[in-house]
């Protein structure tokens, strides 16, 4: 697959900022620190993972081998803020191998490419945004979601610097451009999903107000000619506006669509080798802890990946802070209440995707519920002594609820630094991190 979605000529500036220190600094205890301990001696790694590692069973290994899924095929998407750091650490720290799995990794630049490998079963573990998962559900590909990935990541609407457009509403009835705007998006990815949501809310109609043109996100960030509006996600938004300085942000898609991405596996694994699904979920959260305990090393490991050879280092650090180091670590819990957040929001957007032809089947709330398996994340939290949060930690208290558009700011838009963890109510038993034990 393509190693990167970035233009080769991008300037790699010298790193001027201090390396992220959110790891241990954000761990301001729910209760007082009552003792110091060696991580290994206390039954925890230095980064807070219980020891010893649980191993997958011989039966599960044999089942995977019988399916032709050994080594396990896994993929992740490069240039996706937050997700990239977490997935690179699962791979580079061999967190699945420590649990008895063999893994063959691949990288992709967008959900459409990942789905080309996941749908026929060439990979069995993947991570994409919700539109990529919608395509799996619409095609009835058996899938189990283990974690939410980078919830609420910002998607932006960009225009060339000399564009007369001031907002998406300017596209209505071609009142500014006097013709349908050409909107660049990445078909099958969440910038496409988000634009559909915005267009529906704003009353924009395809062919009357806009036409869609599909391009990889990295290409869209370079503002190719012939496109009036670019819809992309972070870090492409900031790369285009702050580093390349080729576009300006007219608005985000956040008010129209609550973004969710997913870390998921084939449902056959969930049904026949649940200990493998648990190992995947455990590794996901352990990668987060490893990164928070080793922020400088985590950043260097990501920048050493070939896909980041031409990425601006300051930008990668800034985005990693906002989407990996600073949020509360329990944001990845896959809430499954049909009247809560994710299934309700995703079914709302799925209906629009079906009506506009972006999805060939109307995927319902029940379909989105069936996708999720919160039990694995709940088991991971029990091992750590973490409580499941009562509500998504990245939403403000006065958020307003699903469908009450436009949505109030959430997620990275609200963060000025790391969210303290653990805080009151986060723990139900002692947990050791960086040789300090925190108590409920």
Protein backbone atom coordinates (compact mmCIF):
# COMPACT_ATOMS: atom_id res chain seq x y z
CA UNK A 1 0.00 0.00 0.00
CA UNK A 2 1.00 3.65 -0.27
CA UNK A 3 3.41 4.48 2.55
CA UNK A 4 2.25 8.06 3.01
CA UNK A 5 -0.36 10.56 1.98
CA UNK A 6 1.98 13.55 2.25
CA UNK A 7 3.71 15.48 -0.56
CA UNK A 8 7.41 14.77 -0.83
CA UNK A 9 8.40 18.43 -0.74
CA UNK A 10 7.01 19.19 2.70
CA UNK A 11 9.50 21.07 4.87
CA UNK A 12 10.61 19.17 7.97
CA UNK A 13 11.21 21.90 10.52
CA UNK A 14 13.40 21.61 13.51
CA UNK A 15 11.62 20.52 16.68
CA UNK A 16 11.44 23.62 18.88
CA UNK A 17 8.97 22.58 21.55
CA UNK A 18 9.54 20.49 24.60
CA UNK A 19 8.59 16.84 24.30
CA UNK A 20 5.16 15.96 25.68
CA UNK A 21 5.15 15.43 29.42
CA UNK A 22 1.49 14.64 29.78
CA UNK A 23 2.16 11.00 30.70
CA UNK A 24 3.01 11.07 34.37
CA UNK A 25 2.05 14.72 34.81
CA UNK A 26 -1.61 14.01 34.08
CA UNK A 27 -1.75 11.27 36.67
CA UNK A 28 -2.90 13.38 39.58
CA UNK A 29 -4.34 10.87 41.96
CA UNK A 30 -7.97 10.32 42.83
CA UNK A 31 -6.72 9.50 46.31
CA UNK A 32 -3.41 10.41 47.86
CA UNK A 33 -0.32 8.51 46.78
CA UNK A 34 0.17 6.14 49.66
CA UNK A 35 3.39 4.37 48.74
CA UNK A 36 6.13 3.95 46.22
CA UNK A 37 6.79 0.63 44.60
CA UNK A 38 8.77 -0.98 41.86
CA UNK A 39 6.36 -1.54 38.96
CA UNK A 40 7.49 -5.13 38.41
CA UNK A 41 7.65 -5.96 42.15
CA UNK A 42 4.14 -4.58 42.69
CA UNK A 43 2.71 -6.65 39.84
CA UNK A 44 2.67 -3.82 37.30
CA UNK A 45 5.00 -2.79 34.51
CA UNK A 46 6.47 0.67 34.90
CA UNK A 47 3.70 1.95 32.63
CA UNK A 48 0.92 0.43 34.73
CA UNK A 49 0.05 -2.87 33.06
CA UNK A 50 -0.62 -5.87 35.38
CA UNK A 51 1.85 -8.72 35.24
CA UNK A 52 2.21 -11.43 34.08
CA UNK A 53 0.81 -11.09 30.55
CA UNK A 54 -2.16 -13.33 29.83
CA UNK A 55 -1.44 -15.65 26.91
CA UNK A 56 -3.86 -16.75 24.22
CA UNK A 57 -4.82 -20.42 24.43
CA UNK A 58 -3.37 -23.20 22.32
CA UNK A 59 -6.91 -23.84 21.10
CA UNK A 60 -7.27 -20.28 19.81
CA UNK A 61 -3.88 -20.41 18.11
CA UNK A 62 -4.85 -23.66 16.42
CA UNK A 63 -8.17 -22.15 15.32
CA UNK A 64 -6.42 -19.10 13.80
CA UNK A 65 -3.98 -21.37 12.01
CA UNK A 66 -6.86 -23.42 10.63
CA UNK A 67 -8.43 -20.26 9.22
CA UNK A 68 -5.16 -19.24 7.59
CA UNK A 69 -5.00 -16.26 9.96
CA UNK A 70 -1.56 -17.02 11.42
CA UNK A 71 0.21 -14.74 11.60
CA UNK A 72 -2.75 -12.49 12.35
CA UNK A 73 -3.18 -9.81 9.69
CA UNK A 74 -3.54 -6.30 11.14
CA UNK A 75 -3.60 -2.84 9.63
CA UNK A 76 -3.70 0.78 10.69
CA UNK A 77 -4.03 4.12 8.93
CA UNK A 78 -1.13 6.54 8.79
CA UNK A 79 -1.48 10.31 9.20
CA UNK A 80 -4.46 10.08 11.57
CA UNK A 81 -3.85 12.06 14.74
CA UNK A 82 -3.98 10.03 17.94
CA UNK A 83 -4.72 6.70 16.25
CA UNK A 84 -1.31 6.69 14.58
CA UNK A 85 0.56 6.95 17.89
CA UNK A 86 -1.47 4.25 19.59
CA UNK A 87 -1.33 1.75 16.74
CA UNK A 88 2.36 2.32 16.11
CA UNK A 89 3.05 1.48 19.75
CA UNK A 90 1.04 -1.75 19.60
CA UNK A 91 3.20 -2.71 16.64
CA UNK A 92 6.60 -1.38 17.72
CA UNK A 93 6.37 -2.61 21.32
CA UNK A 94 5.11 -6.03 20.18
CA UNK A 95 2.26 -5.90 22.65
CA UNK A 96 0.31 -8.60 20.81
CA UNK A 97 3.37 -10.82 20.57
CA UNK A 98 3.80 -10.53 24.35
CA UNK A 99 0.41 -12.21 24.61
CA UNK A 100 1.32 -15.10 22.33
CA UNK A 101 0.21 -13.81 18.93
CA UNK A 102 2.19 -13.52 15.73
CA UNK A 103 1.19 -10.49 13.65
CA UNK A 104 1.80 -9.21 10.14
CA UNK A 105 1.19 -5.47 9.91
CA UNK A 106 0.12 -3.27 6.99
CA UNK A 107 -0.45 0.47 6.66
CA UNK A 108 -3.14 2.30 4.71
CA UNK A 109 -3.90 5.95 3.92
CA UNK A 110 -7.71 5.81 4.26
CA UNK A 111 -10.61 3.54 5.16
CA UNK A 112 -11.39 2.56 1.57
CA UNK A 113 -7.96 0.97 1.17
CA UNK A 114 -8.18 -0.77 4.55
CA UNK A 115 -11.60 -2.20 3.67
CA UNK A 116 -10.20 -3.70 0.46
CA UNK A 117 -8.05 -5.89 2.72
CA UNK A 118 -10.51 -6.43 5.59
CA UNK A 119 -13.63 -7.36 3.60
CA UNK A 120 -12.10 -10.43 1.92
CA UNK A 121 -10.30 -11.38 5.15
CA UNK A 122 -6.72 -10.62 4.10
CA UNK A 123 -6.42 -8.72 7.38
CA UNK A 124 -8.45 -9.56 10.47
CA UNK A 125 -7.78 -6.50 12.64
CA UNK A 126 -8.18 -2.90 11.49
CA UNK A 127 -8.91 0.64 12.55
CA UNK A 128 -10.93 3.13 10.52
CA UNK A 129 -13.43 5.90 10.96
CA UNK A 130 -17.16 5.27 11.20
CA UNK A 131 -17.82 5.56 7.45
CA UNK A 132 -15.31 2.80 6.82
CA UNK A 133 -17.16 0.69 9.39
CA UNK A 134 -20.51 1.68 7.86
CA UNK A 135 -19.30 0.18 4.58
CA UNK A 136 -18.56 -3.07 6.42
CA UNK A 137 -22.02 -3.11 7.99
CA UNK A 138 -23.72 -2.19 4.72
CA UNK A 139 -21.91 -5.10 3.05
CA UNK A 140 -22.74 -7.38 6.00
CA UNK A 141 -19.10 -8.12 6.77
CA UNK A 142 -19.00 -9.83 10.21
CA UNK A 143 -17.21 -7.32 12.45
CA UNK A 144 -16.78 -6.72 16.17
CA UNK A 145 -15.67 -3.30 17.45
CA UNK A 146 -13.46 -3.46 20.53
CA UNK A 147 -12.73 0.24 21.13
CA UNK A 148 -13.67 3.69 19.92
CA UNK A 149 -10.73 5.34 18.19
CA UNK A 150 -9.93 9.09 18.57
CA UNK A 151 -13.54 10.08 19.37
CA UNK A 152 -14.45 13.58 18.28
CA UNK A 153 -11.36 14.25 16.15
CA UNK A 154 -11.72 17.51 14.24
CA UNK A 155 -12.63 17.46 10.56
CA UNK A 156 -12.20 20.73 8.72
CA UNK A 157 -13.67 22.55 5.72
CA UNK A 158 -10.85 24.33 3.89
CA UNK A 159 -10.79 26.62 0.87
CA UNK A 160 -7.99 28.16 -1.22
CA UNK A 161 -6.62 31.39 0.23
CA UNK A 162 -8.28 33.52 -2.43
CA UNK A 163 -11.68 31.83 -2.22
CA UNK A 164 -14.75 34.07 -1.74
CA UNK A 165 -16.43 31.33 0.35
CA UNK A 166 -16.92 32.16 4.05
CA UNK A 167 -18.90 29.08 5.14
CA UNK A 168 -20.50 25.91 3.81
CA UNK A 169 -23.81 27.74 3.76
CA UNK A 170 -22.39 29.86 0.91
CA UNK A 171 -22.74 26.83 -1.35
CA UNK A 172 -26.54 26.87 -1.15
CA UNK A 173 -28.06 27.59 -4.57
CA UNK A 174 -24.59 28.53 -5.82
CA UNK A 175 -25.13 32.03 -4.50
CA UNK A 176 -21.43 32.86 -4.20
CA UNK A 177 -19.64 30.83 -6.90
CA UNK A 178 -22.60 30.96 -9.33
CA UNK A 179 -22.09 27.26 -10.04
CA UNK A 180 -21.98 24.01 -8.05
CA UNK A 181 -18.84 23.93 -5.92
CA UNK A 182 -16.39 21.09 -6.45
CA UNK A 183 -15.94 19.52 -3.01
CA UNK A 184 -12.86 17.38 -2.50
CA UNK A 185 -13.29 14.49 -0.10
CA UNK A 186 -12.04 10.92 0.38
CA UNK A 187 -14.79 8.54 -0.66
CA UNK A 188 -15.44 5.95 2.01
CA UNK A 189 -13.77 7.93 4.80
CA UNK A 190 -15.09 10.15 7.55
CA UNK A 191 -14.47 13.46 5.80
CA UNK A 192 -17.01 12.17 3.27
CA UNK A 193 -19.32 11.13 6.13
CA UNK A 194 -19.00 14.50 7.84
CA UNK A 195 -19.71 16.47 4.68
CA UNK A 196 -22.85 14.42 4.03
CA UNK A 197 -24.03 15.28 7.54
CA UNK A 198 -23.28 18.98 7.10
CA UNK A 199 -24.94 19.12 3.68
CA UNK A 200 -28.07 17.47 5.05
CA UNK A 201 -28.33 19.94 7.92
CA UNK A 202 -27.64 22.97 5.72
CA UNK A 203 -30.00 21.88 2.95
CA UNK A 204 -27.28 21.50 0.33
CA UNK A 205 -28.13 19.33 -2.69
CA UNK A 206 -25.71 17.41 -4.85
CA UNK A 207 -25.41 18.66 -8.45
CA UNK A 208 -27.34 21.84 -7.58
CA UNK A 209 -25.00 23.16 -4.88
CA UNK A 210 -21.97 20.90 -5.10
CA UNK A 211 -20.34 17.94 -6.80
CA UNK A 212 -17.95 15.54 -5.08
CA UNK A 213 -14.43 14.67 -6.18
CA UNK A 214 -12.51 11.94 -4.39
CA UNK A 215 -8.83 12.31 -3.53
CA UNK A 216 -6.50 11.00 -0.79
CA UNK A 217 -6.42 13.31 2.25
CA UNK A 218 -2.75 14.17 1.84
CA UNK A 219 -3.38 15.31 -1.71
CA UNK A 220 -6.36 17.41 -0.62
CA UNK A 221 -4.10 19.14 1.92
CA UNK A 222 -2.00 20.49 -0.98
CA UNK A 223 -5.04 22.31 -2.42
CA UNK A 224 -5.00 20.88 -5.96
CA UNK A 225 -6.48 23.07 -8.65
CA UNK A 226 -10.02 22.53 -9.77
CA UNK A 227 -11.37 21.95 -6.24
CA UNK A 228 -13.23 24.70 -4.39
CA UNK A 229 -13.66 23.08 -0.98
CA UNK A 230 -11.49 20.51 0.81
CA UNK A 231 -12.78 18.30 3.62
CA UNK A 232 -10.10 16.47 5.63
CA UNK A 233 -9.29 15.39 9.18
CA UNK A 234 -6.43 16.22 11.53
CA UNK A 235 -3.49 16.46 11.11
CA UNK A 236 -4.21 17.23 7.44
CA UNK A 237 -6.28 20.27 8.42
CA UNK A 238 -3.46 21.91 10.37
CA UNK A 239 -0.85 20.71 7.89
CA UNK A 240 -2.64 22.48 5.06
CA UNK A 241 -3.45 25.69 6.94
CA UNK A 242 -0.47 26.11 9.29
CA UNK A 243 2.46 24.32 7.66
CA UNK A 244 1.85 24.42 3.92
CA UNK A 245 -0.23 27.60 4.27
CA UNK A 246 -2.14 26.81 1.08
CA UNK A 247 -5.66 26.98 2.49
CA UNK A 248 -7.71 28.57 5.23
CA UNK A 249 -10.23 26.99 7.55
CA UNK A 250 -13.75 28.29 7.02
CA UNK A 251 -15.36 26.02 9.62
CA UNK A 252 -15.13 22.56 11.11
CA UNK A 253 -17.55 19.70 10.51
CA UNK A 254 -17.79 19.11 14.28
CA UNK A 255 -21.13 20.97 14.71
CA UNK A 256 -22.82 18.62 12.25
CA UNK A 257 -21.35 15.23 13.04
CA UNK A 258 -19.86 13.58 16.13
CA UNK A 259 -16.90 11.64 14.79
CA UNK A 260 -16.15 8.10 15.88
CA UNK A 261 -13.47 5.74 14.68
CA UNK A 262 -13.11 2.10 15.63
CA UNK A 263 -10.56 -0.58 16.46
CA UNK A 264 -12.16 -3.83 15.36
CA UNK A 265 -11.70 -7.44 14.40
CA UNK A 266 -13.50 -10.15 12.47
CA UNK A 267 -16.56 -11.35 14.35
CA UNK A 268 -15.38 -14.93 13.80
CA UNK A 269 -12.52 -14.19 16.20
CA UNK A 270 -14.93 -12.80 18.78
CA UNK A 271 -17.09 -15.93 18.48
CA UNK A 272 -14.39 -18.61 18.25
CA UNK A 273 -11.31 -17.14 19.95
CA UNK A 274 -12.52 -14.55 22.47
CA UNK A 275 -9.19 -14.60 24.29
CA UNK A 276 -7.63 -13.20 21.10
CA UNK A 277 -10.19 -10.37 21.06
CA UNK A 278 -9.33 -9.71 24.71
CA UNK A 279 -5.62 -9.65 23.91
CA UNK A 280 -6.31 -7.08 21.20
CA UNK A 281 -8.25 -4.88 23.61
CA UNK A 282 -5.65 -5.22 26.36
CA UNK A 283 -2.87 -4.29 23.94
CA UNK A 284 -4.83 -1.25 22.79
CA UNK A 285 -5.00 0.20 26.30
CA UNK A 286 -1.47 -0.88 27.21
CA UNK A 287 -0.15 1.04 24.19
CA UNK A 288 -1.81 4.16 25.57
CA UNK A 289 -0.15 3.65 28.95
CA UNK A 290 3.25 2.90 27.43
CA UNK A 291 3.09 6.13 25.45
CA UNK A 292 2.11 8.20 28.45
CA UNK A 293 4.97 6.73 30.45
CA UNK A 294 7.45 7.28 27.59
CA UNK A 295 6.22 10.37 25.71
CA UNK A 296 9.56 11.34 24.14
CA UNK A 297 10.25 7.81 22.94
CA UNK A 298 6.69 7.39 21.65
CA UNK A 299 7.05 10.53 19.55
CA UNK A 300 10.41 9.43 18.17
CA UNK A 301 9.05 6.00 17.25
CA UNK A 302 6.20 7.55 15.30
CA UNK A 303 8.44 10.02 13.49
CA UNK A 304 10.78 7.16 12.57
CA UNK A 305 7.96 5.46 10.64
CA UNK A 306 8.50 5.87 6.86
CA UNK A 307 5.10 7.52 6.41
CA UNK A 308 6.27 10.42 8.61
CA UNK A 309 9.60 11.12 6.91
CA UNK A 310 8.31 14.41 5.51
CA UNK A 311 5.93 15.34 8.30
CA UNK A 312 6.44 18.52 10.29
CA UNK A 313 7.64 17.45 13.72
CA UNK A 314 6.04 20.30 15.65
CA UNK A 315 2.73 19.48 14.03
CA UNK A 316 2.93 15.77 14.92
CA UNK A 317 3.70 16.68 18.54
CA UNK A 318 0.86 19.18 18.72
CA UNK A 319 -1.63 16.69 17.30
CA UNK A 320 -0.34 13.87 19.53
CA UNK A 321 -0.87 16.06 22.58
CA UNK A 322 -4.44 16.90 21.58
CA UNK A 323 -5.52 13.41 20.58
CA UNK A 324 -3.28 10.97 22.46
CA UNK A 325 -1.54 12.42 25.52
CA UNK A 326 -4.13 14.88 26.82
CA UNK A 327 -7.56 13.13 26.70
CA UNK A 328 -8.70 10.96 29.58
CA UNK A 329 -7.64 7.35 28.84
CA UNK A 330 -11.19 6.07 29.30
CA UNK A 331 -12.42 7.95 26.19
CA UNK A 332 -11.95 4.75 24.17
CA UNK A 333 -14.79 2.90 25.87
CA UNK A 334 -17.35 1.83 23.21
CA UNK A 335 -20.61 3.08 24.74
CA UNK A 336 -23.50 1.01 23.42
CA UNK A 337 -26.64 2.61 24.90
CA UNK A 338 -29.11 3.01 21.98
CA UNK A 339 -30.29 6.30 23.48
CA UNK A 340 -26.79 7.45 24.42
CA UNK A 341 -24.10 8.60 22.04
CA UNK A 342 -22.60 6.29 19.46
CA UNK A 343 -25.33 3.99 18.08
CA UNK A 344 -27.83 6.85 17.97
CA UNK A 345 -25.45 9.26 16.24
CA UNK A 346 -24.19 6.71 13.78
CA UNK A 347 -27.63 5.50 12.80
CA UNK A 348 -28.64 9.15 12.29
CA UNK A 349 -25.81 9.67 9.84
CA UNK A 350 -26.20 6.22 8.29
CA UNK A 351 -29.71 7.09 7.20
CA UNK A 352 -28.41 10.15 5.38
CA UNK A 353 -25.65 8.09 3.81
CA UNK A 354 -28.26 5.63 2.54
CA UNK A 355 -30.50 8.38 1.19
CA UNK A 356 -27.63 9.98 -0.71
CA UNK A 357 -26.28 6.69 -2.08
CA UNK A 358 -23.11 6.68 0.03
CA UNK A 359 -24.28 3.41 1.65
CA UNK A 360 -26.15 0.69 -0.22
CA UNK A 361 -28.11 -0.50 2.83
CA UNK A 362 -29.84 1.42 5.60
CA UNK A 363 -27.76 0.55 8.66
CA UNK A 364 -29.81 0.87 11.84
CA UNK A 365 -29.18 1.57 15.51
CA UNK A 366 -29.50 -2.17 16.16
CA UNK A 367 -26.80 -2.86 13.55
CA UNK A 368 -24.43 -0.40 15.25
CA UNK A 369 -25.21 -1.94 18.64
CA UNK A 370 -24.46 -5.43 17.36
CA UNK A 371 -21.10 -4.15 16.08
CA UNK A 372 -19.86 -3.19 19.55
CA UNK A 373 -18.66 -5.56 22.25
CA UNK A 374 -18.06 -3.42 25.37
CA UNK A 375 -17.41 -6.54 27.48
CA UNK A 376 -13.80 -6.72 26.29
CA UNK A 377 -13.02 -3.13 27.31
CA UNK A 378 -14.84 -3.67 30.59
CA UNK A 379 -12.60 -6.67 31.29
CA UNK A 380 -9.52 -4.58 30.46
CA UNK A 381 -10.64 -1.87 32.87
CA UNK A 382 -11.24 -4.46 35.62
CA UNK A 383 -7.64 -5.63 35.31
CA UNK A 384 -6.47 -2.06 35.86
CA UNK A 385 -8.99 -1.19 38.55
CA UNK A 386 -10.54 1.51 36.34
CA UNK A 387 -14.23 2.33 36.39
CA UNK A 388 -16.23 2.60 33.19
CA UNK A 389 -17.09 6.30 32.84
CA UNK A 390 -20.73 7.23 33.23
CA UNK A 391 -20.62 9.29 30.03
CA UNK A 392 -18.13 9.96 27.22
CA UNK A 393 -15.30 11.93 28.87
CA UNK A 394 -14.64 14.14 25.84
CA UNK A 395 -18.12 15.75 25.88
CA UNK A 396 -18.92 18.88 27.92
CA UNK A 397 -21.58 18.61 30.62
CA UNK A 398 -23.94 20.89 28.67
CA UNK A 399 -23.35 19.26 25.31
CA UNK A 400 -27.04 19.01 24.38
CA UNK A 401 -27.49 15.47 23.10
CA UNK A 402 -27.54 13.61 19.80
CA UNK A 403 -29.32 15.37 16.96
CA UNK A 404 -29.48 18.76 18.69
CA UNK A 405 -27.51 20.57 16.01
CA UNK A 406 -25.31 22.45 15.77
CA UNK A 407 -23.29 20.61 18.42
CA UNK A 408 -21.43 22.59 21.06
CA UNK A 409 -17.61 22.35 21.08
CA UNK A 410 -16.17 19.09 22.40
CA UNK A 411 -12.99 17.04 22.51
CA UNK A 412 -9.76 18.73 21.45
CA UNK A 413 -11.57 22.05 21.00
CA UNK A 414 -11.87 22.23 24.80
CA UNK A 415 -8.45 20.94 25.87
CA UNK A 416 -5.71 23.28 27.02
CA UNK A 417 -3.60 20.54 28.61
CA UNK A 418 -3.79 16.96 29.91
CA UNK A 419 -6.97 15.90 31.68
CA UNK A 420 -6.04 14.64 35.19
CA UNK A 421 -6.20 10.87 35.60
CA UNK A 422 -7.00 9.18 37.86
CA UNK A 423 -9.43 11.63 39.40
CA UNK A 424 -12.20 11.03 41.91
CA UNK A 425 -14.33 8.09 40.81
CA UNK A 426 -11.90 6.75 38.20
CA UNK A 427 -10.53 3.83 40.26
CA UNK A 428 -12.07 0.95 42.17
CA UNK A 429 -8.79 -0.61 43.37
CA UNK A 430 -5.14 0.45 43.67
CA UNK A 431 -3.29 1.01 40.41
CA UNK A 432 0.45 1.54 40.00
CA UNK A 433 1.92 3.79 37.30
CA UNK A 434 5.51 5.04 37.07
CA UNK A 435 6.34 3.50 40.46
CA UNK A 436 3.50 5.35 42.21
CA UNK A 437 0.39 3.67 43.52
CA UNK A 438 -2.94 5.48 43.26
CA UNK A 439 -5.88 4.44 45.41
CA UNK A 440 -9.65 4.91 44.96
